[in-house]
Amino acid sequence: MVPKKRTDEEILQELEEKIEKMKAKKQQVEARKKEKERKERTRRLIQVGAIFEKYFEIQSEEEAEKIAKALQSYVGKNKDKILHHDVVVKEKNKAEAEVATAKE
């Protein structure tokens, strides 16, 4: 028995079906990616809000907004310095501890 040759039309139809399946799969993957990013952002917002509430004893959104606005220009101008400060203090304390240990 000789296998039946597919016509160009049949080949094109099969390719179109494969393309549609691939498009659907791509959309599913993109949707999963967006959902994951959305969940990560939501988690990050909750964590940041909890930290803000903890250190500033925030009781309402209005208080948070006022404090954030008041700090905005200072933090904007000094963000790198503020973030770097922790590293400098830790290194200084470490060096002081090493000097104290060496003196003993």
PDB file of N, CA and C in Angstrom:
ATOM      1  N   MET A   1       0.837  -1.183   0.000  1.00  0.00           N
ATOM      2  CA  MET A   1       0.000   0.000   0.000  1.00  0.00           C
ATOM      3  C   MET A   1       0.884   1.249   0.000  1.00  0.00           C
ATOM      4  N   VAL A   2       0.644   2.144  -0.900  1.00  0.00           N
ATOM      5  CA  VAL A   2       1.427   3.364  -1.068  1.00  0.00           C
ATOM      6  C   VAL A   2       0.799   4.459  -0.203  1.00  0.00           C
ATOM      7  N   PRO A   3       1.637   5.122   0.630  1.00  0.00           N
ATOM      8  CA  PRO A   3       1.066   6.196   1.461  1.00  0.00           C
ATOM      9  C   PRO A   3       0.539   7.329   0.582  1.00  0.00           C
ATOM     10  N   LYS A   4      -0.588   7.864   1.020  1.00  0.00           N
ATOM     11  CA  LYS A   4      -1.223   8.944   0.274  1.00  0.00           C
ATOM     12  C   LYS A   4      -0.416  10.225   0.478  1.00  0.00           C
ATOM     13  N   LYS A   5      -0.101  10.882  -0.611  1.00  0.00           N
ATOM     14  CA  LYS A   5       0.616  12.156  -0.546  1.00  0.00           C
ATOM     15  C   LYS A   5      -0.339  13.247  -0.131  1.00  0.00           C
ATOM     16  N   ARG A   6       0.144  14.098   0.788  1.00  0.00           N
ATOM     17  CA  ARG A   6      -0.681  15.218   1.226  1.00  0.00           C
ATOM     18  C   ARG A   6      -0.606  16.329   0.183  1.00  0.00           C
ATOM     19  N   THR A   7      -1.707  16.964   0.019  1.00  0.00           N
ATOM     20  CA  THR A   7      -1.731  18.083  -0.929  1.00  0.00           C
ATOM     21  C   THR A   7      -1.162  19.325  -0.237  1.00  0.00           C
ATOM     22  N   ASP A   8      -0.830  20.295  -1.042  1.00  0.00           N
ATOM     23  CA  ASP A   8      -0.334  21.558  -0.494  1.00  0.00           C
ATOM     24  C   ASP A   8      -1.380  22.174   0.434  1.00  0.00           C
ATOM     25  N   GLU A   9      -2.633  22.054   0.085  1.00  0.00           N
ATOM     26  CA  GLU A   9      -3.723  22.586   0.900  1.00  0.00           C
ATOM     27  C   GLU A   9      -3.735  21.924   2.273  1.00  0.00           C
ATOM     28  N   GLU A  10      -3.565  20.616   2.312  1.00  0.00           N
ATOM     29  CA  GLU A  10      -3.564  19.884   3.589  1.00  0.00           C
ATOM     30  C   GLU A  10      -2.357  20.302   4.445  1.00  0.00           C
ATOM     31  N   ILE A  11      -1.224  20.450   3.817  1.00  0.00           N
ATOM     32  CA  ILE A  11      -0.011  20.866   4.526  1.00  0.00           C
ATOM     33  C   ILE A  11      -0.208  22.273   5.108  1.00  0.00           C
ATOM     34  N   LEU A  12      -0.750  23.177   4.303  1.00  0.00           N
ATOM     35  CA  LEU A  12      -1.011  24.535   4.784  1.00  0.00           C
ATOM     36  C   LEU A  12      -1.996  24.529   5.952  1.00  0.00           C
ATOM     37  N   GLN A  13      -3.028  23.720   5.860  1.00  0.00           N
ATOM     38  CA  GLN A  13      -4.030  23.629   6.927  1.00  0.00           C
ATOM     39  C   GLN A  13      -3.381  23.141   8.224  1.00  0.00           C
ATOM     40  N   GLU A  14      -2.541  22.116   8.139  1.00  0.00           N
ATOM     41  CA  GLU A  14      -1.848  21.587   9.321  1.00  0.00           C
ATOM     42  C   GLU A  14      -0.935  22.650   9.934  1.00  0.00           C
ATOM     43  N   LEU A  15      -0.232  23.372   9.088  1.00  0.00           N
ATOM     44  CA  LEU A  15       0.654  24.421   9.586  1.00  0.00           C
ATOM     45  C   LEU A  15      -0.132  25.533  10.278  1.00  0.00           C
ATOM     46  N   GLU A  16      -1.271  25.902   9.707  1.00  0.00           N
ATOM     47  CA  GLU A  16      -2.125  26.924  10.318  1.00  0.00           C
ATOM     48  C   GLU A  16      -2.598  26.464  11.701  1.00  0.00           C
ATOM     49  N   GLU A  17      -2.965  25.198  11.815  1.00  0.00           N
ATOM     50  CA  GLU A  17      -3.416  24.660  13.105  1.00  0.00           C
ATOM     51  C   GLU A  17      -2.274  24.695  14.133  1.00  0.00           C
ATOM     52  N   LYS A  18      -1.084  24.343  13.688  1.00  0.00           N
ATOM     53  CA  LYS A  18       0.079  24.383  14.585  1.00  0.00           C
ATOM     54  C   LYS A  18       0.372  25.812  15.041  1.00  0.00           C
ATOM     55  N   ILE A  19       0.244  26.747  14.103  1.00  0.00           N
ATOM     56  CA  ILE A  19       0.474  28.157  14.436  1.00  0.00           C
ATOM     57  C   ILE A  19      -0.527  28.609  15.492  1.00  0.00           C
ATOM     58  N   GLU A  20      -1.795  28.250  15.321  1.00  0.00           N
ATOM     59  CA  GLU A  20      -2.830  28.634  16.278  1.00  0.00           C
ATOM     60  C   GLU A  20      -2.558  28.027  17.650  1.00  0.00           C
ATOM     61  N   LYS A  21      -2.132  26.778  17.686  1.00  0.00           N
ATOM     62  CA  LYS A  21      -1.809  26.132  18.966  1.00  0.00           C
ATOM     63  C   LYS A  21      -0.633  26.829  19.641  1.00  0.00           C
ATOM     64  N   MET A  22       0.363  27.198  18.855  1.00  0.00           N
ATOM     65  CA  MET A  22       1.537  27.876  19.404  1.00  0.00           C
ATOM     66  C   MET A  22       1.155  29.259  19.940  1.00  0.00           C
ATOM     67  N   LYS A  23       0.276  29.962  19.210  1.00  0.00           N
ATOM     68  CA  LYS A  23      -0.182  31.269  19.678  1.00  0.00           C
ATOM     69  C   LYS A  23      -0.911  31.137  21.010  1.00  0.00           C
ATOM     70  N   ALA A  24      -1.760  30.126  21.127  1.00  0.00           N
ATOM     71  CA  ALA A  24      -2.514  29.906  22.364  1.00  0.00           C
ATOM     72  C   ALA A  24      -1.560  29.590  23.516  1.00  0.00           C
ATOM     73  N   LYS A  25      -0.557  28.766  23.239  1.00  0.00           N
ATOM     74  CA  LYS A  25       0.416  28.417  24.273  1.00  0.00           C
ATOM     75  C   LYS A  25       1.218  29.654  24.689  1.00  0.00           C
ATOM     76  N   LYS A  26       1.584  30.486  23.725  1.00  0.00           N
ATOM     77  CA  LYS A  26       2.327  31.714  24.021  1.00  0.00           C
ATOM     78  C   LYS A  26       1.499  32.626  24.919  1.00  0.00           C
ATOM     79  N   GLN A  27       0.219  32.754  24.626  1.00  0.00           N
ATOM     80  CA  GLN A  27      -0.662  33.592  25.437  1.00  0.00           C
ATOM     81  C   GLN A  27      -0.757  33.054  26.872  1.00  0.00           C
ATOM     82  N   GLN A  28      -0.799  31.731  27.016  1.00  0.00           N
ATOM     83  CA  GLN A  28      -0.863  31.130  28.352  1.00  0.00           C
ATOM     84  C   GLN A  28       0.406  31.439  29.145  1.00  0.00           C
ATOM     85  N   VAL A  29       1.549  31.314  28.494  1.00  0.00           N
ATOM     86  CA  VAL A  29       2.823  31.581  29.161  1.00  0.00           C
ATOM     87  C   VAL A  29       2.911  33.057  29.544  1.00  0.00           C
ATOM     88  N   GLU A  30       2.524  33.941  28.643  1.00  0.00           N
ATOM     89  CA  GLU A  30       2.540  35.374  28.941  1.00  0.00           C
ATOM     90  C   GLU A  30       1.606  35.706  30.097  1.00  0.00           C
ATOM     91  N   ALA A  31       0.447  35.067  30.140  1.00  0.00           N
ATOM     92  CA  ALA A  31      -0.520  35.308  31.219  1.00  0.00           C
ATOM     93  C   ALA A  31       0.054  34.845  32.551  1.00  0.00           C
ATOM     94  N   ARG A  32       0.711  33.679  32.562  1.00  0.00           N
ATOM     95  CA  ARG A  32       1.345  33.187  33.794  1.00  0.00           C
ATOM     96  C   ARG A  32       2.436  34.141  34.266  1.00  0.00           C
ATOM     97  N   LYS A  33       3.218  34.642  33.314  1.00  0.00           N
ATOM     98  CA  LYS A  33       4.298  35.574  33.650  1.00  0.00           C
ATOM     99  C   LYS A  33       3.731  36.860  34.264  1.00  0.00           C
ATOM    100  N   LYS A  34       2.693  37.418  33.651  1.00  0.00           N
ATOM    101  CA  LYS A  34       2.071  38.643  34.167  1.00  0.00           C
ATOM    102  C   LYS A  34       1.483  38.408  35.554  1.00  0.00           C
ATOM    103  N   GLU A  35       0.847  37.268  35.754  1.00  0.00           N
ATOM    104  CA  GLU A  35       0.260  36.934  37.050  1.00  0.00           C
ATOM    105  C   GLU A  35       1.350  36.838  38.119  1.00  0.00           C
ATOM    106  N   LYS A  36       2.456  36.210  37.782  1.00  0.00           N
ATOM    107  CA  LYS A  36       3.579  36.079  38.722  1.00  0.00           C
ATOM    108  C   LYS A  36       4.133  37.461  39.076  1.00  0.00           C
ATOM    109  N   GLU A  37       4.322  38.315  38.076  1.00  0.00           N
ATOM    110  CA  GLU A  37       4.833  39.674  38.305  1.00  0.00           C
ATOM    111  C   GLU A  37       3.863  40.473  39.167  1.00  0.00           C
ATOM    112  N   ARG A  38       2.570  40.312  38.923  1.00  0.00           N
ATOM    113  CA  ARG A  38       1.555  41.024  39.698  1.00  0.00           C
ATOM    114  C   ARG A  38       1.596  40.588  41.161  1.00  0.00           C
ATOM    115  N   LYS A  39       1.715  39.281  41.385  1.00  0.00           N
ATOM    116  CA  LYS A  39       1.777  38.766  42.753  1.00  0.00           C
ATOM    117  C   LYS A  39       3.046  39.238  43.467  1.00  0.00           C
ATOM    118  N   GLU A  40       4.169  39.255  42.742  1.00  0.00           N
ATOM    119  CA  GLU A  40       5.421  39.734  43.336  1.00  0.00           C
ATOM    120  C   GLU A  40       5.306  41.207  43.717  1.00  0.00           C
ATOM    121  N   ARG A  41       4.682  42.001  42.862  1.00  0.00           N
ATOM    122  CA  ARG A  41       4.511  43.429  43.151  1.00  0.00           C
ATOM    123  C   ARG A  41       3.601  43.621  44.356  1.00  0.00           C
ATOM    124  N   THR A  42       2.502  42.874  44.404  1.00  0.00           N
ATOM    125  CA  THR A  42       1.580  42.970  45.531  1.00  0.00           C
ATOM    126  C   THR A  42       2.290  42.616  46.836  1.00  0.00           C
ATOM    127  N   ARG A  43       3.062  41.564  46.823  1.00  0.00           N
ATOM    128  CA  ARG A  43       3.815  41.145  48.018  1.00  0.00           C
ATOM    129  C   ARG A  43       4.792  42.238  48.442  1.00  0.00           C
ATOM    130  N   ARG A  44       5.497  42.790  47.473  1.00  0.00           N
ATOM    131  CA  ARG A  44       6.468  43.856  47.753  1.00  0.00           C
ATOM    132  C   ARG A  44       5.775  45.085  48.356  1.00  0.00           C
ATOM    133  N   LEU A  45       4.627  45.455  47.802  1.00  0.00           N
ATOM    134  CA  LEU A  45       3.878  46.609  48.322  1.00  0.00           C
ATOM    135  C   LEU A  45       3.426  46.365  49.764  1.00  0.00           C
ATOM    136  N   ILE A  46       2.990  45.157  50.041  1.00  0.00           N
ATOM    137  CA  ILE A  46       2.559  44.827  51.402  1.00  0.00           C
ATOM    138  C   ILE A  46       3.739  44.900  52.359  1.00  0.00           C
ATOM    139  N   GLN A  47       4.885  44.347  51.943  1.00  0.00           N
ATOM    140  CA  GLN A  47       6.067  44.371  52.798  1.00  0.00           C
ATOM    141  C   GLN A  47       6.535  45.799  53.068  1.00  0.00           C
ATOM    142  N   VAL A  48       6.596  46.605  52.033  1.00  0.00           N
ATOM    143  CA  VAL A  48       7.038  47.997  52.188  1.00  0.00           C
ATOM    144  C   VAL A  48       6.053  48.748  53.089  1.00  0.00           C
ATOM    145  N   GLY A  49       4.779  48.552  52.876  1.00  0.00           N
ATOM    146  CA  GLY A  49       3.772  49.205  53.713  1.00  0.00           C
ATOM    147  C   GLY A  49       3.893  48.787  55.172  1.00  0.00           C
ATOM    148  N   ALA A  50       4.159  47.503  55.407  1.00  0.00           N
ATOM    149  CA  ALA A  50       4.302  47.020  56.778  1.00  0.00           C
ATOM    150  C   ALA A  50       5.525  47.643  57.454  1.00  0.00           C
ATOM    151  N   ILE A  51       6.613  47.783  56.723  1.00  0.00           N
ATOM    152  CA  ILE A  51       7.821  48.408  57.272  1.00  0.00           C
ATOM    153  C   ILE A  51       7.538  49.871  57.594  1.00  0.00           C
ATOM    154  N   PHE A  52       6.901  50.551  56.670  1.00  0.00           N
ATOM    155  CA  PHE A  52       6.564  51.971  56.856  1.00  0.00           C
ATOM    156  C   PHE A  52       5.674  52.132  58.090  1.00  0.00           C
ATOM    157  N   GLU A  53       4.683  51.277  58.206  1.00  0.00           N
ATOM    158  CA  GLU A  53       3.764  51.326  59.341  1.00  0.00           C
ATOM    159  C   GLU A  53       4.498  51.057  60.652  1.00  0.00           C
ATOM    160  N   LYS A  54       5.390  50.085  60.643  1.00  0.00           N
ATOM    161  CA  LYS A  54       6.133  49.710  61.847  1.00  0.00           C
ATOM    162  C   LYS A  54       7.007  50.856  62.364  1.00  0.00           C
ATOM    163  N   TYR A  55       7.811  51.436  61.495  1.00  0.00           N
ATOM    164  CA  TYR A  55       8.772  52.437  61.932  1.00  0.00           C
ATOM    165  C   TYR A  55       8.178  53.826  62.156  1.00  0.00           C
ATOM    166  N   PHE A  56       7.069  54.112  61.516  1.00  0.00           N
ATOM    167  CA  PHE A  56       6.458  55.434  61.667  1.00  0.00           C
ATOM    168  C   PHE A  56       5.137  55.380  62.416  1.00  0.00           C
ATOM    169  N   GLU A  57       4.766  54.214  62.900  1.00  0.00           N
ATOM    170  CA  GLU A  57       3.521  54.011  63.644  1.00  0.00           C
ATOM    171  C   GLU A  57       2.332  54.646  62.921  1.00  0.00           C
ATOM    172  N   ILE A  58       2.217  54.309  61.674  1.00  0.00           N
ATOM    173  CA  ILE A  58       1.173  54.842  60.811  1.00  0.00           C
ATOM    174  C   ILE A  58      -0.182  54.234  61.184  1.00  0.00           C
ATOM    175  N   GLN A  59      -1.197  55.084  61.268  1.00  0.00           N
ATOM    176  CA  GLN A  59      -2.537  54.632  61.619  1.00  0.00           C
ATOM    177  C   GLN A  59      -3.520  54.684  60.447  1.00  0.00           C
ATOM    178  N   SER A  60      -3.163  55.430  59.404  1.00  0.00           N
ATOM    179  CA  SER A  60      -4.095  55.556  58.275  1.00  0.00           C
ATOM    180  C   SER A  60      -3.316  55.835  56.989  1.00  0.00           C
ATOM    181  N   GLU A  61      -4.032  55.697  55.887  1.00  0.00           N
ATOM    182  CA  GLU A  61      -3.432  56.008  54.588  1.00  0.00           C
ATOM    183  C   GLU A  61      -3.077  57.487  54.505  1.00  0.00           C
ATOM    184  N   GLU A  62      -3.914  58.315  55.102  1.00  0.00           N
ATOM    185  CA  GLU A  62      -3.672  59.764  55.063  1.00  0.00           C
ATOM    186  C   GLU A  62      -2.366  60.113  55.779  1.00  0.00           C
ATOM    187  N   GLU A  63      -2.138  59.493  56.950  1.00  0.00           N
ATOM    188  CA  GLU A  63      -0.886  59.728  57.675  1.00  0.00           C
ATOM    189  C   GLU A  63       0.301  59.276  56.832  1.00  0.00           C
ATOM    190  N   ALA A  64       0.180  58.102  56.242  1.00  0.00           N
ATOM    191  CA  ALA A  64       1.261  57.565  55.416  1.00  0.00           C
ATOM    192  C   ALA A  64       1.573  58.504  54.268  1.00  0.00           C
ATOM    193  N   GLU A  65       0.542  59.020  53.633  1.00  0.00           N
ATOM    194  CA  GLU A  65       0.709  59.938  52.503  1.00  0.00           C
ATOM    195  C   GLU A  65       1.425  61.212  52.939  1.00  0.00           C
ATOM    196  N   LYS A  66       1.016  61.788  54.075  1.00  0.00           N
ATOM    197  CA  LYS A  66       1.633  63.023  54.560  1.00  0.00           C
ATOM    198  C   LYS A  66       3.099  62.808  54.920  1.00  0.00           C
ATOM    199  N   ILE A  67       3.386  61.715  55.598  1.00  0.00           N
ATOM    200  CA  ILE A  67       4.777  61.432  55.985  1.00  0.00           C
ATOM    201  C   ILE A  67       5.628  61.162  54.748  1.00  0.00           C
ATOM    202  N   ALA A  68       5.099  60.409  53.822  1.00  0.00           N
ATOM    203  CA  ALA A  68       5.839  60.106  52.597  1.00  0.00           C
ATOM    204  C   ALA A  68       6.156  61.385  51.827  1.00  0.00           C
ATOM    205  N   LYS A  69       5.181  62.273  51.717  1.00  0.00           N
ATOM    206  CA  LYS A  69       5.413  63.538  51.010  1.00  0.00           C
ATOM    207  C   LYS A  69       6.459  64.377  51.726  1.00  0.00           C
ATOM    208  N   ALA A  70       6.415  64.382  53.070  1.00  0.00           N
ATOM    209  CA  ALA A  70       7.383  65.159  53.838  1.00  0.00           C
ATOM    210  C   ALA A  70       8.802  64.610  53.664  1.00  0.00           C
ATOM    211  N   LEU A  71       8.936  63.320  53.533  1.00  0.00           N
ATOM    212  CA  LEU A  71      10.259  62.690  53.401  1.00  0.00           C
ATOM    213  C   LEU A  71      10.762  62.626  51.959  1.00  0.00           C
ATOM    214  N   GLN A  72       9.864  62.815  51.015  1.00  0.00           N
ATOM    215  CA  GLN A  72      10.180  62.601  49.601  1.00  0.00           C
ATOM    216  C   GLN A  72      11.400  63.378  49.124  1.00  0.00           C
ATOM    217  N   SER A  73      11.467  64.660  49.363  1.00  0.00           N
ATOM    218  CA  SER A  73      12.581  65.441  48.818  1.00  0.00           C
ATOM    219  C   SER A  73      13.885  65.081  49.505  1.00  0.00           C
ATOM    220  N   TYR A  74      13.856  64.873  50.827  1.00  0.00           N
ATOM    221  CA  TYR A  74      15.076  64.502  51.538  1.00  0.00           C
ATOM    222  C   TYR A  74      15.611  63.158  51.042  1.00  0.00           C
ATOM    223  N   VAL A  75      14.742  62.175  50.985  1.00  0.00           N
ATOM    224  CA  VAL A  75      15.159  60.842  50.541  1.00  0.00           C
ATOM    225  C   VAL A  75      15.602  60.888  49.084  1.00  0.00           C
ATOM    226  N   GLY A  76      14.883  61.631  48.261  1.00  0.00           N
ATOM    227  CA  GLY A  76      15.250  61.745  46.850  1.00  0.00           C
ATOM    228  C   GLY A  76      16.658  62.274  46.663  1.00  0.00           C
ATOM    229  N   LYS A  77      17.020  63.267  47.458  1.00  0.00           N
ATOM    230  CA  LYS A  77      18.345  63.876  47.345  1.00  0.00           C
ATOM    231  C   LYS A  77      19.431  63.032  48.004  1.00  0.00           C
ATOM    232  N   ASN A  78      19.071  62.224  48.995  1.00  0.00           N
ATOM    233  CA  ASN A  78      20.064  61.528  49.807  1.00  0.00           C
ATOM    234  C   ASN A  78      19.943  60.011  49.796  1.00  0.00           C
ATOM    235  N   LYS A  79      19.193  59.457  48.858  1.00  0.00           N
ATOM    236  CA  LYS A  79      18.918  58.016  48.862  1.00  0.00           C
ATOM    237  C   LYS A  79      20.202  57.180  48.844  1.00  0.00           C
ATOM    238  N   ASP A  80      21.114  57.497  47.934  1.00  0.00           N
ATOM    239  CA  ASP A  80      22.360  56.727  47.856  1.00  0.00           C
ATOM    240  C   ASP A  80      23.152  56.832  49.158  1.00  0.00           C
ATOM    241  N   LYS A  81      23.197  58.022  49.683  1.00  0.00           N
ATOM    242  CA  LYS A  81      23.925  58.259  50.936  1.00  0.00           C
ATOM    243  C   LYS A  81      23.281  57.467  52.081  1.00  0.00           C
ATOM    244  N   ILE A  82      21.961  57.489  52.149  1.00  0.00           N
ATOM    245  CA  ILE A  82      21.231  56.769  53.199  1.00  0.00           C
ATOM    246  C   ILE A  82      21.469  55.269  53.069  1.00  0.00           C
ATOM    247  N   LEU A  83      21.351  54.760  51.861  1.00  0.00           N
ATOM    248  CA  LEU A  83      21.535  53.320  51.643  1.00  0.00           C
ATOM    249  C   LEU A  83      22.974  52.907  51.902  1.00  0.00           C
ATOM    250  N   HIS A  84      23.915  53.757  51.558  1.00  0.00           N
ATOM    251  CA  HIS A  84      25.336  53.458  51.741  1.00  0.00           C
ATOM    252  C   HIS A  84      25.736  53.572  53.209  1.00  0.00           C
ATOM    253  N   HIS A  85      25.041  54.403  53.976  1.00  0.00           N
ATOM    254  CA  HIS A  85      25.362  54.657  55.380  1.00  0.00           C
ATOM    255  C   HIS A  85      25.427  53.363  56.190  1.00  0.00           C
ATOM    256  N   ASP A  86      24.476  52.468  56.002  1.00  0.00           N
ATOM    257  CA  ASP A  86      24.453  51.195  56.713  1.00  0.00           C
ATOM    258  C   ASP A  86      25.739  50.410  56.488  1.00  0.00           C
ATOM    259  N   VAL A  87      26.181  50.380  55.246  1.00  0.00           N
ATOM    260  CA  VAL A  87      27.387  49.642  54.901  1.00  0.00           C
ATOM    261  C   VAL A  87      28.592  50.266  55.595  1.00  0.00           C
ATOM    262  N   VAL A  88      28.672  51.580  55.576  1.00  0.00           N
ATOM    263  CA  VAL A  88      29.792  52.284  56.195  1.00  0.00           C
ATOM    264  C   VAL A  88      29.805  52.038  57.702  1.00  0.00           C
ATOM    265  N   VAL A  89      28.657  52.128  58.362  1.00  0.00           N
ATOM    266  CA  VAL A  89      28.572  51.919  59.807  1.00  0.00           C
ATOM    267  C   VAL A  89      28.970  50.488  60.163  1.00  0.00           C
ATOM    268  N   LYS A  90      28.491  49.515  59.401  1.00  0.00           N
ATOM    269  CA  LYS A  90      28.838  48.114  59.673  1.00  0.00           C
ATOM    270  C   LYS A  90      30.331  47.892  59.523  1.00  0.00           C
ATOM    271  N   GLU A  91      30.921  48.443  58.468  1.00  0.00           N
ATOM    272  CA  GLU A  91      32.366  48.292  58.255  1.00  0.00           C
ATOM    273  C   GLU A  91      33.150  48.977  59.374  1.00  0.00           C
ATOM    274  N   LYS A  92      32.702  50.141  59.808  1.00  0.00           N
ATOM    275  CA  LYS A  92      33.366  50.871  60.891  1.00  0.00           C
ATOM    276  C   LYS A  92      33.305  50.060  62.188  1.00  0.00           C
ATOM    277  N   ASN A  93      32.139  49.525  62.509  1.00  0.00           N
ATOM    278  CA  ASN A  93      31.982  48.715  63.718  1.00  0.00           C
ATOM    279  C   ASN A  93      32.838  47.457  63.658  1.00  0.00           C
ATOM    280  N   LYS A  94      32.915  46.859  62.504  1.00  0.00           N
ATOM    281  CA  LYS A  94      33.730  45.661  62.310  1.00  0.00           C
ATOM    282  C   LYS A  94      35.207  45.991  62.530  1.00  0.00           C
ATOM    283  N   ALA A  95      35.648  47.108  61.964  1.00  0.00           N
ATOM    284  CA  ALA A  95      37.043  47.532  62.115  1.00  0.00           C
ATOM    285  C   ALA A  95      37.341  47.848  63.576  1.00  0.00           C
ATOM    286  N   GLU A  96      36.428  48.531  64.266  1.00  0.00           N
ATOM    287  CA  GLU A  96      36.626  48.845  65.680  1.00  0.00           C
ATOM    288  C   GLU A  96      36.713  47.577  66.518  1.00  0.00           C
ATOM    289  N   ALA A  97      35.890  46.602  66.206  1.00  0.00           N
ATOM    290  CA  ALA A  97      35.901  45.318  66.936  1.00  0.00           C
ATOM    291  C   ALA A  97      37.231  44.600  66.707  1.00  0.00           C
ATOM    292  N   GLU A  98      37.749  44.668  65.490  1.00  0.00           N
ATOM    293  CA  GLU A  98      39.025  44.024  65.185  1.00  0.00           C
ATOM    294  C   GLU A  98      40.167  44.727  65.943  1.00  0.00           C
ATOM    295  N   VAL A  99      40.120  46.036  66.027  1.00  0.00           N
ATOM    296  CA  VAL A  99      41.149  46.803  66.755  1.00  0.00           C
ATOM    297  C   VAL A  99      41.076  46.457  68.238  1.00  0.00           C
ATOM    298  N   ALA A 100      39.882  46.404  68.789  1.00  0.00           N
ATOM    299  CA  ALA A 100      39.696  46.072  70.204  1.00  0.00           C
ATOM    300  C   ALA A 100      40.211  44.680  70.485  1.00  0.00           C
ATOM    301  N   THR A 101      39.954  43.734  69.611  1.00  0.00           N
ATOM    302  CA  THR A 101      40.422  42.365  69.782  1.00  0.00           C
ATOM    303  C   THR A 101      41.942  42.321  69.697  1.00  0.00           C
ATOM    304  N   ALA A 102      42.527  43.091  68.804  1.00  0.00           N
ATOM    305  CA  ALA A 102      43.975  43.103  68.624  1.00  0.00           C
ATOM    306  C   ALA A 102      44.676  43.701  69.838  1.00  0.00           C
ATOM    307  N   LYS A 103      44.055  44.673  70.502  1.00  0.00           N
ATOM    308  CA  LYS A 103      44.637  45.304  71.686  1.00  0.00           C
ATOM    309  C   LYS A 103      44.669  44.362  72.877  1.00  0.00           C
ATOM    310  N   GLU A 104      43.723  43.434  72.908  1.00  0.00           N
ATOM    311  CA  GLU A 104      43.654  42.488  74.034  1.00  0.00           C
ATOM    312  C   GLU A 104      44.718  41.504  73.889  1.00  0.00           C
TER     313      GLU A 104
END
